[in-house]
Protein backbone atom coordinates (compact mmCIF):
# COMPACT_ATOMS: atom_id res chain seq x y z
CA MET A 1 -10.57 16.71 13.91
CA SER A 2 -9.11 13.31 14.77
CA PHE A 3 -8.80 10.59 12.14
CA LYS A 4 -9.86 7.95 14.66
CA LEU A 5 -13.32 7.08 15.92
CA GLU A 6 -13.63 6.93 19.70
CA ASN A 7 -13.99 3.43 21.18
CA ARG A 8 -14.37 1.76 17.77
CA ARG A 9 -11.84 -0.05 15.62
CA PRO A 10 -11.20 -0.07 12.78
CA THR A 11 -11.96 3.48 11.79
CA VAL A 12 -12.99 3.32 8.13
CA ILE A 13 -12.37 5.80 5.33
CA ALA A 14 -14.29 4.73 2.22
CA GLY A 15 -15.57 5.96 -1.10
CA PRO A 16 -14.81 5.67 -4.80
CA CYS A 17 -11.30 5.73 -6.23
CA SER A 18 -12.51 8.60 -8.42
CA ALA A 19 -15.48 10.92 -8.28
CA GLU A 20 -17.02 10.39 -11.73
CA ASN A 21 -20.26 12.37 -11.59
CA ILE A 22 -22.46 13.84 -8.89
CA GLU A 23 -24.98 10.97 -9.07
CA GLN A 24 -22.29 8.35 -8.48
CA VAL A 25 -20.79 10.34 -5.59
CA PHE A 26 -24.13 10.76 -3.80
CA ALA A 27 -25.25 7.17 -4.46
CA THR A 28 -22.05 5.80 -2.89
CA ALA A 29 -22.16 8.23 0.02
CA ARG A 30 -25.77 7.39 0.86
CA GLU A 31 -25.02 3.64 0.91
CA LEU A 32 -22.03 4.23 3.19
CA GLN A 33 -23.94 6.50 5.57
CA SER A 34 -25.18 3.67 7.77
CA ASN A 35 -21.71 2.14 8.28
CA GLU A 36 -20.96 2.70 11.98
CA ASN A 37 -17.20 2.46 11.41
CA LEU A 38 -17.14 5.16 8.74
CA LYS A 39 -15.34 8.38 9.71
CA TYR A 40 -14.65 9.96 6.30
CA PHE A 41 -16.17 9.69 2.84
CA ARG A 42 -13.31 9.82 0.35
CA ALA A 43 -13.10 10.41 -3.40
CA GLY A 44 -10.18 11.17 -5.71
CA LEU A 45 -10.55 14.26 -7.90
CA TRP A 46 -7.11 14.61 -9.47
CA LYS A 47 -5.76 11.22 -10.58
CA PRO A 48 -2.06 11.14 -11.53
CA ARG A 49 -2.05 8.17 -13.91
CA THR A 50 1.09 6.33 -14.96
CA ARG A 51 0.17 6.51 -18.64
CA PRO A 52 -1.60 9.37 -20.48
CA ASN A 53 -4.99 9.06 -22.20
CA SER A 54 -6.65 7.40 -19.21
CA PHE A 55 -9.20 8.92 -16.84
CA GLU A 56 -7.39 11.54 -14.77
CA GLY A 57 -10.29 12.71 -12.62
CA VAL A 58 -12.93 15.42 -12.82
CA GLY A 59 -10.73 17.97 -11.06
CA ALA A 60 -12.05 21.03 -9.26
CA GLU A 61 -15.65 20.36 -10.30
CA GLY A 62 -15.72 17.34 -7.98
CA ILE A 63 -14.79 19.34 -4.90
CA VAL A 64 -18.20 21.00 -5.13
CA TRP A 65 -19.83 17.57 -5.08
CA LEU A 66 -17.91 16.64 -1.92
CA SER A 67 -19.03 19.90 -0.30
CA GLU A 68 -22.64 19.04 -1.14
CA VAL A 69 -22.27 15.56 0.38
CA GLN A 70 -20.83 17.21 3.47
CA LYS A 71 -23.74 19.67 3.76
CA GLU A 72 -26.69 17.52 2.66
CA LEU A 73 -25.72 14.19 4.25
CA GLY A 74 -23.72 15.51 7.21
CA MET A 75 -20.69 13.37 6.33
CA SER A 76 -17.04 14.30 6.80
CA VAL A 77 -15.26 14.27 3.44
CA MET A 78 -11.66 14.09 2.25
CA THR A 79 -9.72 13.99 -1.01
CA GLU A 80 -6.15 13.73 -2.30
CA VAL A 81 -4.16 16.90 -2.96
CA ALA A 82 -1.04 16.83 -5.11
CA ASN A 83 -0.03 20.48 -5.15
CA ALA A 84 -0.63 23.83 -3.45
CA GLU A 85 -3.50 24.73 -5.78
CA HIS A 86 -5.39 21.55 -4.80
CA ALA A 87 -4.76 22.28 -1.11
CA GLU A 88 -6.04 25.84 -1.45
CA LEU A 89 -9.23 24.60 -3.11
CA ALA A 90 -9.75 22.09 -0.30
CA LEU A 91 -9.42 24.90 2.23
CA LYS A 92 -11.72 27.21 0.24
CA HIS A 93 -14.49 24.57 0.14
CA SER A 94 -14.00 23.53 3.80
CA ILE A 95 -13.07 19.93 2.98
CA ASP A 96 -12.62 18.13 6.32
CA ALA A 97 -9.28 16.42 5.62
CA VAL A 98 -6.84 15.64 2.81
CA TRP A 99 -4.41 12.88 2.00
CA ILE A 100 -1.07 13.00 0.23
CA GLY A 101 -0.54 10.37 -2.46
CA ALA A 102 2.44 8.05 -2.79
CA ARG A 103 3.64 9.81 -5.95
CA THR A 104 3.72 13.11 -4.08
CA THR A 105 5.39 11.81 -0.91
CA VAL A 106 8.47 10.84 -2.94
CA SER A 107 9.24 14.54 -3.55
CA PRO A 108 10.19 16.72 -0.56
CA PHE A 109 9.75 19.75 -2.85
CA SER A 110 6.12 18.84 -3.58
CA VAL A 111 5.46 17.99 0.06
CA GLN A 112 6.87 21.32 1.24
CA ASN A 113 4.88 23.15 -1.43
CA ILE A 114 1.61 21.71 -0.05
CA ALA A 115 2.72 22.15 3.56
CA ASP A 116 3.32 25.85 2.88
CA ALA A 117 -0.20 26.15 1.43
CA LEU A 118 -1.61 24.63 4.65
CA LYS A 119 0.61 26.65 6.98
CA GLY A 120 -1.27 28.11 9.91
CA THR A 121 -4.42 26.04 9.29
CA SER A 122 -5.90 23.17 11.27
CA MET A 123 -6.34 20.89 8.23
CA PRO A 124 -5.87 17.19 9.12
CA VAL A 125 -3.46 15.47 6.72
CA MET A 126 -2.97 11.76 6.04
CA VAL A 127 0.36 10.90 4.38
CA LYS A 128 0.71 7.80 2.22
CA ASN A 129 4.07 6.07 2.12
CA PRO A 130 6.25 6.83 -0.92
CA MET A 131 6.03 4.41 -3.86
CA HIS A 132 9.38 2.82 -3.05
CA ALA A 133 10.55 1.53 0.31
CA ASP A 134 12.13 4.64 1.83
CA LEU A 135 11.16 5.12 5.47
CA GLY A 136 13.07 8.40 5.67
CA LEU A 137 10.95 10.01 2.96
CA TRP A 138 7.75 8.91 4.70
CA LEU A 139 8.90 10.22 8.08
CA GLY A 140 10.12 13.45 6.51
CA ALA A 141 6.79 14.14 4.82
CA ILE A 142 4.90 13.59 8.08
CA GLU A 143 7.30 15.91 9.91
CA ARG A 144 6.90 18.66 7.30
CA PHE A 145 3.11 18.64 7.65
CA ALA A 146 3.28 18.40 11.44
CA ALA A 147 5.36 21.60 11.41
CA SER A 148 2.82 23.34 9.17
CA THR A 149 -0.71 22.50 10.32
CA SER A 150 -2.18 22.20 13.81
CA GLY A 151 -4.50 19.47 12.52
CA GLU A 152 -3.69 15.81 13.06
CA VAL A 153 -1.09 14.32 10.74
CA ALA A 154 -1.50 10.56 10.25
CA ALA A 155 0.28 7.87 8.23
CA LEU A 156 -1.31 5.68 5.55
CA HIS A 157 0.36 2.41 4.50
CA ARG A 158 -0.45 1.54 0.86
CA GLY A 159 2.42 -0.81 0.03
CA PHE A 160 5.52 -0.35 -2.12
CA SER A 161 6.31 -0.82 -5.80
CA ASN A 162 8.33 -3.98 -6.33
CA PHE A 163 9.14 -5.45 -9.74
CA THR A 164 9.34 -9.00 -8.30
CA GLN A 165 5.87 -8.75 -6.76
CA HIS A 166 3.21 -11.09 -8.17
CA LYS A 167 0.74 -11.66 -5.37
CA TYR A 168 0.03 -8.03 -4.59
CA ARG A 169 -0.22 -4.86 -6.64
CA ASN A 170 2.16 -3.25 -4.15
CA ALA A 171 4.32 -5.24 -1.74
CA PRO A 172 3.09 -4.79 1.85
CA MET A 173 6.58 -4.86 3.40
CA TRP A 174 5.01 -4.72 6.86
CA GLU A 175 8.36 -3.99 8.47
CA LEU A 176 8.21 -0.42 7.06
CA PRO A 177 5.01 0.72 8.84
CA ILE A 178 6.29 -1.06 11.97
CA GLY A 179 9.49 0.98 11.64
CA LEU A 180 7.47 4.17 11.23
CA LYS A 181 5.42 3.41 14.36
CA SER A 182 8.63 2.79 16.28
CA GLU A 183 9.94 6.20 15.23
CA LEU A 184 6.62 8.04 15.69
CA PRO A 185 4.61 6.06 18.27
CA ASP A 186 1.98 8.78 18.72
CA VAL A 187 1.10 9.05 15.01
CA SER A 188 -2.13 7.33 13.92
CA LEU A 189 -1.41 4.57 11.40
CA PHE A 190 -3.93 3.48 8.78
CA CYS A 191 -3.76 0.85 6.03
CA ASP A 192 -4.91 1.08 2.41
CA PRO A 193 -5.60 -2.57 1.46
CA SER A 194 -7.10 -1.55 -1.90
CA HIS A 195 -3.75 -0.35 -3.27
CA ILE A 196 -1.75 -3.12 -1.62
CA CYS A 197 -3.96 -5.83 -3.14
CA GLY A 198 -4.98 -4.42 -6.52
CA ASN A 199 -7.90 -6.88 -6.39
CA THR A 200 -10.80 -7.69 -4.09
CA GLU A 201 -9.82 -11.29 -3.28
CA LEU A 202 -7.05 -10.35 -0.85
CA LEU A 203 -8.74 -7.39 0.86
CA SER A 204 -9.93 -9.34 3.91
CA LEU A 205 -6.52 -10.96 4.40
CA VAL A 206 -4.64 -7.66 4.28
CA SER A 207 -7.25 -5.84 6.38
CA GLN A 208 -6.97 -8.52 9.08
CA LYS A 209 -3.18 -8.30 8.99
CA ALA A 210 -3.40 -4.53 9.51
CA MET A 211 -5.67 -5.07 12.51
CA ASP A 212 -3.35 -7.74 13.94
CA LEU A 213 -0.53 -5.18 13.77
CA GLY A 214 -2.61 -2.75 15.80
CA MET A 215 -3.28 -0.25 13.01
CA ASP A 216 -5.98 2.28 13.76
CA GLY A 217 -8.06 2.04 10.60
CA LEU A 218 -8.52 1.22 6.94
CA MET A 219 -8.98 3.20 3.75
CA LEU A 220 -10.97 1.08 1.28
CA GLU A 221 -12.09 2.07 -2.20
CA THR A 222 -15.84 1.60 -2.49
CA HIS A 223 -18.14 2.01 -5.50
CA THR A 224 -21.82 1.18 -6.01
CA LYS A 225 -20.96 -0.44 -9.36
CA PRO A 226 -17.27 -1.40 -9.24
CA HIS A 227 -17.29 -3.06 -12.67
CA GLU A 228 -18.26 0.31 -14.21
CA ALA A 229 -15.61 2.35 -12.36
CA LEU A 230 -13.46 4.61 -14.53
CA SER A 231 -10.33 3.89 -12.49
CA ASP A 232 -9.05 0.90 -10.46
CA ALA A 233 -12.23 -1.11 -11.04
CA SER A 234 -10.56 -4.38 -10.01
CA GLN A 235 -9.85 -3.27 -6.44
CA GLN A 236 -13.13 -1.57 -5.49
CA ILE A 237 -15.95 -3.19 -3.53
CA THR A 238 -19.58 -2.28 -2.97
CA PRO A 239 -20.69 -0.61 0.27
CA GLU A 240 -22.51 -3.85 1.13
CA ASP A 241 -19.35 -5.92 0.71
CA LEU A 242 -17.43 -3.34 2.73
CA GLN A 243 -19.88 -3.85 5.59
CA LYS A 244 -19.35 -7.62 5.40
CA LEU A 245 -15.56 -7.22 5.31
CA ILE A 246 -15.52 -5.04 8.43
CA ALA A 247 -17.95 -7.35 10.25
CA GLY A 248 -15.70 -10.33 9.48
CA LEU A 249 -12.56 -8.85 11.00
CA GLU A 250 -11.31 -10.15 14.33
CA ILE A 251 -10.30 -7.15 16.41
CA ARG A 252 -7.82 -8.11 19.10
CA SER A 253 -6.64 -5.94 21.97
CA SER A 254 -2.97 -5.50 22.75
CA LEU A 255 -3.64 -4.17 26.25
CA LYS A 256 -3.06 -7.55 27.91
CA ASP A 257 0.20 -8.15 26.09
CA SER A 258 3.44 -7.46 27.89
CA THR A 259 5.96 -5.11 26.29
CA SER A 260 8.29 -8.01 25.57
CA ASP A 261 5.49 -9.93 23.82
CA ARG A 262 4.70 -6.93 21.62
CA ASP A 263 8.36 -6.46 20.76
CA LEU A 264 8.70 -10.15 19.85
CA SER A 265 5.51 -9.99 17.77
CA ALA A 266 6.88 -7.00 15.84
CA LEU A 267 10.11 -8.87 15.12
CA ARG A 268 8.15 -11.93 13.94
CA ILE A 269 6.10 -9.74 11.59
CA LYS A 270 9.30 -8.31 10.16
CA MET A 271 10.66 -11.82 9.65
CA ASP A 272 7.40 -12.95 8.00
CA SER A 273 7.54 -9.98 5.64
CA ILE A 274 11.13 -10.75 4.63
CA ASP A 275 10.24 -14.42 4.10
CA GLU A 276 7.36 -13.38 1.85
CA GLN A 277 9.75 -11.26 -0.21
CA LEU A 278 12.16 -14.20 -0.40
CA MET A 279 9.40 -16.39 -1.82
CA GLU A 280 8.62 -13.75 -4.44
CA LEU A 281 12.30 -13.47 -5.40
CA LEU A 282 12.73 -17.24 -5.64
CA SER A 283 9.61 -17.46 -7.79
CA GLY A 284 11.04 -14.77 -10.06
CA ARG A 285 14.35 -16.64 -10.29
CA MET A 286 12.59 -19.83 -11.39
CA GLU A 287 10.66 -17.89 -14.05
CA ILE A 288 14.03 -16.79 -15.45
CA ALA A 289 15.23 -20.41 -15.28
CA LYS A 290 12.28 -21.39 -17.49
CA LEU A 291 13.26 -18.76 -20.04
CA MET A 292 16.85 -20.01 -19.96
CA GLY A 293 15.60 -23.56 -20.54
CA GLU A 294 13.65 -22.41 -23.60
CA PHE A 295 16.69 -20.57 -24.96
CA LYS A 296 19.02 -23.56 -24.42
CA LYS A 297 16.51 -25.86 -26.07
CA GLU A 298 16.30 -23.65 -29.17
CA GLU A 299 20.09 -23.27 -29.37
CA GLY A 300 20.87 -26.93 -28.66
CA LEU A 301 22.83 -26.16 -25.48
CA THR A 302 23.27 -28.39 -22.46
CA VAL A 303 21.47 -27.59 -19.22
CA LEU A 304 24.56 -27.68 -17.01
CA HIS A 305 27.32 -25.14 -17.58
CA LEU A 306 30.05 -25.76 -15.01
CA GLU A 307 31.92 -22.52 -15.56
CA ARG A 308 28.73 -20.55 -14.91
CA TRP A 309 28.14 -22.55 -11.71
CA ARG A 310 31.68 -21.79 -10.53
CA GLU A 311 31.10 -18.10 -11.27
CA ILE A 312 27.89 -18.15 -9.21
CA LEU A 313 29.68 -19.75 -6.27
CA ARG A 314 32.59 -17.31 -6.49
CA THR A 315 30.52 -14.14 -6.67
CA ARG A 316 27.81 -15.16 -4.20
CA MET A 317 30.38 -16.25 -1.62
CA LYS A 318 32.03 -12.84 -1.95
CA TRP A 319 28.65 -11.15 -1.42
CA SER A 320 27.89 -13.35 1.60
CA ASN A 321 31.23 -12.47 3.21
CA GLU A 322 30.54 -8.77 2.72
CA LEU A 323 27.16 -9.20 4.41
CA GLY A 324 28.51 -11.27 7.29
CA LEU A 325 26.69 -14.47 6.30
CA SER A 326 28.05 -17.95 6.95
CA GLU A 327 29.71 -19.49 3.86
CA GLU A 328 28.45 -22.94 4.85
CA PHE A 329 24.88 -21.65 5.09
CA ILE A 330 25.03 -19.81 1.76
CA LEU A 331 26.61 -22.81 0.04
CA ARG A 332 23.70 -25.03 1.15
CA VAL A 333 21.18 -22.45 -0.04
CA LEU A 334 22.89 -21.99 -3.42
CA GLU A 335 23.14 -25.73 -4.00
CA GLN A 336 19.40 -26.18 -3.44
CA VAL A 337 18.48 -23.19 -5.59
CA HIS A 338 20.82 -24.38 -8.37
CA LYS A 339 19.41 -27.90 -8.14
CA GLU A 340 15.86 -26.60 -8.55
CA SER A 341 16.93 -24.31 -11.41
CA ILE A 342 18.48 -27.27 -13.24
CA LYS A 343 15.27 -29.25 -12.71
CA VAL A 344 13.11 -26.43 -14.07
CA GLN A 345 15.33 -26.02 -17.15
CA THR A 346 15.42 -29.78 -17.75
CA ASP A 347 11.62 -30.00 -17.58
CA VAL A 348 11.32 -27.20 -20.14
CA MET A 349 13.86 -28.79 -22.48
CA ASN A 350 12.14 -32.18 -22.31
CA GLN A 351 8.70 -30.82 -23.15
CA ASP A 352 7.26 -32.33 -26.33
CA SER A 353 10.25 -34.71 -26.49
């Protein structure tokens, strides 16, 4: 079974972050049934949480609920599998497709373990990118599954963990999925705006960006009562709002574009993504400048410390030479960044003066 709908874009995969009870699963599925873009109803059953003592899914019980949705409503269903046991249960209950989570993709051992469980089957597999920005791991996981199952193996972009990130839950780093598509042009590429955004406000923006990049579809977490969700409540939308989001997307065709135009567009997207990361890093640097201003104010220190400024120039110039950057260019950048840092610290120190 293909992950893509014929002659319709985007293909949509939707459903709750977690299956919570059979009533919630069926209520959400029924409301999604009329969505013409829907290809798969999704629900997480095993939820690997960062911290213990939070909802970690209903487990194997929920796979029966998905089977019932499949049989009673005639919908294709899929869930996340994190180990061979999960994969075997999905096969036993004739689940239509599975996805591999970002925490699993980081481990070639785990990926191979699941691939071995699916060996010789026709199970379609969608592989999320690893949590950190490692294109090789993502490509490797896709290749392992492609060697194991005769079903389609697709890629799912859900963003990357980044400690400097403020705007998104996970940094989009659009250059990574572009790099994957360059390496594997025939692999279907989907986007998971829910996990990139971490909220509902940015879903339309990220979904449109994914469409502008020519991605095949979207995986969006959908719940009939998002505010009552047991996991990731802040990033789930109702089936009605999902319908509005999809209807509001502008779907452009790349057929009329020349190859050179597409190549230039891809490079511009990469540049935009790097610029976005630069803004995040600069914002983080100024937050540290504020903390330094508070410390200097408490300790009675001056804002300007010439020896520290000389050290910055010395070390950064060395780094720029190693990276092949112009000293003149880096000097101008450093001077402006230092000037703004001094301003931020001065403003903090003069508060309540």
